[in-house]
């Protein structure tokens, strides 16, 4: 049982480290196209869950769903000039707000 927690903790640490590196790169390299950050977050979140599957560890449905949504939002944002459509709503930010409200609500409901 102790080993399972250690592997899960290591995956989370790796994911957080990758997210911080991505955030730093997005701040330094301002020339990257819009949507690169969301695409990177999606790759990290889906990737950590793929690593958990390979290691026969339980995956997180929340981070998998958020990762897939981030991949879609980032991919659409990057591809929008080539597909000749645009959307001005900050979809990923709205999704983050909604998920945050859901998490806070469920945590407050438990007490």
C-alpha atoms as a PDB file:
ATOM      1  CA  UNK A   1       0.000   0.000   0.000  1.00  0.00           C
ATOM      2  CA  UNK A   2       2.856   2.359   0.794  1.00  0.00           C
ATOM      3  CA  UNK A   3       4.372   1.825  -2.684  1.00  0.00           C
ATOM      4  CA  UNK A   4       1.107   2.806  -4.417  1.00  0.00           C
ATOM      5  CA  UNK A   5       1.032   6.142  -2.636  1.00  0.00           C
ATOM      6  CA  UNK A   6       4.696   6.766  -3.426  1.00  0.00           C
ATOM      7  CA  UNK A   7       4.187   6.172  -7.170  1.00  0.00           C
ATOM      8  CA  UNK A   8       1.089   8.368  -7.240  1.00  0.00           C
ATOM      9  CA  UNK A   9       2.932  11.092  -5.340  1.00  0.00           C
ATOM     10  CA  UNK A  10       5.864  10.920  -7.745  1.00  0.00           C
ATOM     11  CA  UNK A  11       3.554  11.280 -10.762  1.00  0.00           C
ATOM     12  CA  UNK A  12       1.899  14.307  -9.195  1.00  0.00           C
ATOM     13  CA  UNK A  13       5.275  15.874  -8.419  1.00  0.00           C
ATOM     14  CA  UNK A  14       6.450  15.331 -11.985  1.00  0.00           C
ATOM     15  CA  UNK A  15       3.225  16.842 -13.342  1.00  0.00           C
ATOM     16  CA  UNK A  16       3.497  19.898 -11.078  1.00  0.00           C
ATOM     17  CA  UNK A  17       7.131  20.375 -12.074  1.00  0.00           C
ATOM     18  CA  UNK A  18       6.222  20.160 -15.757  1.00  0.00           C
ATOM     19  CA  UNK A  19       3.376  22.649 -15.263  1.00  0.00           C
ATOM     20  CA  UNK A  20       5.705  25.145 -13.565  1.00  0.00           C
ATOM     21  CA  UNK A  21       8.273  24.755 -16.342  1.00  0.00           C
ATOM     22  CA  UNK A  22       5.551  25.297 -18.940  1.00  0.00           C
ATOM     23  CA  UNK A  23       4.301  28.385 -17.109  1.00  0.00           C
ATOM     24  CA  UNK A  24       7.824  29.813 -16.989  1.00  0.00           C
ATOM     25  CA  UNK A  25       8.364  29.112 -20.672  1.00  0.00           C
ATOM     26  CA  UNK A  26       5.089  30.804 -21.549  1.00  0.00           C
ATOM     27  CA  UNK A  27       6.224  33.900 -19.632  1.00  0.00           C
ATOM     28  CA  UNK A  28       9.683  33.971 -21.217  1.00  0.00           C
ATOM     29  CA  UNK A  29       8.736  33.087 -24.796  1.00  0.00           C
ATOM     30  CA  UNK A  30       5.955  35.562 -25.507  1.00  0.00           C
ATOM     31  CA  UNK A  31       6.126  34.799 -29.250  1.00  0.00           C
ATOM     32  CA  UNK A  32       4.444  31.394 -28.839  1.00  0.00           C
ATOM     33  CA  UNK A  33       0.976  31.294 -30.405  1.00  0.00           C
ATOM     34  CA  UNK A  34      -2.189  31.624 -28.333  1.00  0.00           C
ATOM     35  CA  UNK A  35      -3.353  28.236 -27.168  1.00  0.00           C
ATOM     36  CA  UNK A  36       0.127  26.824 -26.602  1.00  0.00           C
ATOM     37  CA  UNK A  37      -0.278  27.002 -22.837  1.00  0.00           C
ATOM     38  CA  UNK A  38      -3.617  25.191 -22.839  1.00  0.00           C
ATOM     39  CA  UNK A  39      -2.250  22.586 -25.225  1.00  0.00           C
ATOM     40  CA  UNK A  40       0.774  22.052 -22.966  1.00  0.00           C
ATOM     41  CA  UNK A  41      -1.380  21.724 -19.847  1.00  0.00           C
ATOM     42  CA  UNK A  42      -3.561  19.190 -21.643  1.00  0.00           C
ATOM     43  CA  UNK A  43      -0.540  17.147 -22.717  1.00  0.00           C
ATOM     44  CA  UNK A  44       0.848  17.149 -19.185  1.00  0.00           C
ATOM     45  CA  UNK A  45      -2.429  16.127 -17.541  1.00  0.00           C
ATOM     46  CA  UNK A  46      -3.237  13.402 -20.062  1.00  0.00           C
ATOM     47  CA  UNK A  47       0.396  12.264 -20.047  1.00  0.00           C
ATOM     48  CA  UNK A  48       0.530  11.825 -16.276  1.00  0.00           C
ATOM     49  CA  UNK A  49      -2.599   9.674 -16.412  1.00  0.00           C
ATOM     50  CA  UNK A  50      -1.134   7.576 -19.240  1.00  0.00           C
ATOM     51  CA  UNK A  51       1.946   7.074 -17.037  1.00  0.00           C
ATOM     52  CA  UNK A  52      -0.336   5.980 -14.191  1.00  0.00           C
ATOM     53  CA  UNK A  53      -2.029   3.430 -16.473  1.00  0.00           C
ATOM     54  CA  UNK A  54       1.346   2.044 -17.558  1.00  0.00           C
ATOM     55  CA  UNK A  55       2.411   1.783 -13.904  1.00  0.00           C
ATOM     56  CA  UNK A  56      -0.923   0.093 -13.079  1.00  0.00           C
ATOM     57  CA  UNK A  57      -1.925   2.945 -10.780  1.00  0.00           C
ATOM     58  CA  UNK A  58      -5.424   4.447 -10.521  1.00  0.00           C
ATOM     59  CA  UNK A  59      -6.008   7.408 -12.797  1.00  0.00           C
ATOM     60  CA  UNK A  60      -7.690  10.660 -11.903  1.00  0.00           C
ATOM     61  CA  UNK A  61     -10.891  11.204 -13.848  1.00  0.00           C
ATOM     62  CA  UNK A  62     -10.837  14.887 -12.958  1.00  0.00           C
ATOM     63  CA  UNK A  63      -7.373  15.568 -14.350  1.00  0.00           C
ATOM     64  CA  UNK A  64      -8.019  13.368 -17.392  1.00  0.00           C
ATOM     65  CA  UNK A  65     -11.194  15.300 -18.220  1.00  0.00           C
ATOM     66  CA  UNK A  66      -9.496  18.638 -17.627  1.00  0.00           C
ATOM     67  CA  UNK A  67      -6.546  17.526 -19.775  1.00  0.00           C
ATOM     68  CA  UNK A  68      -8.771  16.496 -22.680  1.00  0.00           C
ATOM     69  CA  UNK A  69     -10.699  19.771 -22.480  1.00  0.00           C
ATOM     70  CA  UNK A  70      -7.422  21.718 -22.386  1.00  0.00           C
ATOM     71  CA  UNK A  71      -6.144  19.805 -25.424  1.00  0.00           C
ATOM     72  CA  UNK A  72      -9.327  20.623 -27.321  1.00  0.00           C
ATOM     73  CA  UNK A  73      -9.328  24.290 -26.321  1.00  0.00           C
ATOM     74  CA  UNK A  74      -5.627  24.763 -27.094  1.00  0.00           C
ATOM     75  CA  UNK A  75      -5.848  22.881 -30.372  1.00  0.00           C
ATOM     76  CA  UNK A  76      -8.845  24.917 -31.497  1.00  0.00           C
ATOM     77  CA  UNK A  77      -7.147  28.158 -30.526  1.00  0.00           C
ATOM     78  CA  UNK A  78      -3.979  27.283 -32.447  1.00  0.00           C
ATOM     79  CA  UNK A  79      -5.898  25.960 -35.484  1.00  0.00           C
ATOM     80  CA  UNK A  80      -8.462  28.782 -35.620  1.00  0.00           C
ATOM     81  CA  UNK A  81      -6.525  30.950 -38.142  1.00  0.00           C
ATOM     82  CA  UNK A  82      -6.164  27.972 -40.476  1.00  0.00           C
ATOM     83  CA  UNK A  83      -9.754  26.822 -40.078  1.00  0.00           C
ATOM     84  CA  UNK A  84     -11.035  30.383 -40.617  1.00  0.00           C
ATOM     85  CA  UNK A  85     -13.099  30.629 -37.479  1.00  0.00           C
ATOM     86  CA  UNK A  86     -12.630  32.469 -34.248  1.00  0.00           C
ATOM     87  CA  UNK A  87     -14.137  32.453 -30.825  1.00  0.00           C
ATOM     88  CA  UNK A  88     -13.588  35.317 -28.458  1.00  0.00           C
ATOM     89  CA  UNK A  89     -14.812  33.656 -25.300  1.00  0.00           C
ATOM     90  CA  UNK A  90     -12.052  32.568 -22.940  1.00  0.00           C
ATOM     91  CA  UNK A  91     -13.330  28.990 -22.950  1.00  0.00           C
ATOM     92  CA  UNK A  92     -10.513  27.480 -20.907  1.00  0.00           C
ATOM     93  CA  UNK A  93     -10.771  30.209 -18.257  1.00  0.00           C
ATOM     94  CA  UNK A  94     -14.530  29.665 -18.031  1.00  0.00           C
ATOM     95  CA  UNK A  95     -13.980  25.908 -17.636  1.00  0.00           C
ATOM     96  CA  UNK A  96     -11.434  26.518 -14.881  1.00  0.00           C
ATOM     97  CA  UNK A  97     -13.844  28.802 -13.043  1.00  0.00           C
ATOM     98  CA  UNK A  98     -16.657  26.259 -13.328  1.00  0.00           C
ATOM     99  CA  UNK A  99     -14.445  23.410 -12.126  1.00  0.00           C
ATOM    100  CA  UNK A 100     -13.158  25.512  -9.235  1.00  0.00           C
ATOM    101  CA  UNK A 101     -16.696  26.343  -8.150  1.00  0.00           C
ATOM    102  CA  UNK A 102     -17.651  22.658  -8.354  1.00  0.00           C
ATOM    103  CA  UNK A 103     -14.620  21.635  -6.261  1.00  0.00           C
ATOM    104  CA  UNK A 104     -15.266  24.305  -3.641  1.00  0.00           C
ATOM    105  CA  UNK A 105     -18.940  23.421  -3.510  1.00  0.00           C
ATOM    106  CA  UNK A 106     -18.243  19.720  -3.010  1.00  0.00           C
ATOM    107  CA  UNK A 107     -15.625  20.437  -0.321  1.00  0.00           C
ATOM    108  CA  UNK A 108     -18.004  22.748   1.576  1.00  0.00           C
ATOM    109  CA  UNK A 109     -20.849  20.276   1.199  1.00  0.00           C
ATOM    110  CA  UNK A 110     -18.815  17.528   2.934  1.00  0.00           C
ATOM    111  CA  UNK A 111     -18.446  19.601   6.094  1.00  0.00           C
END
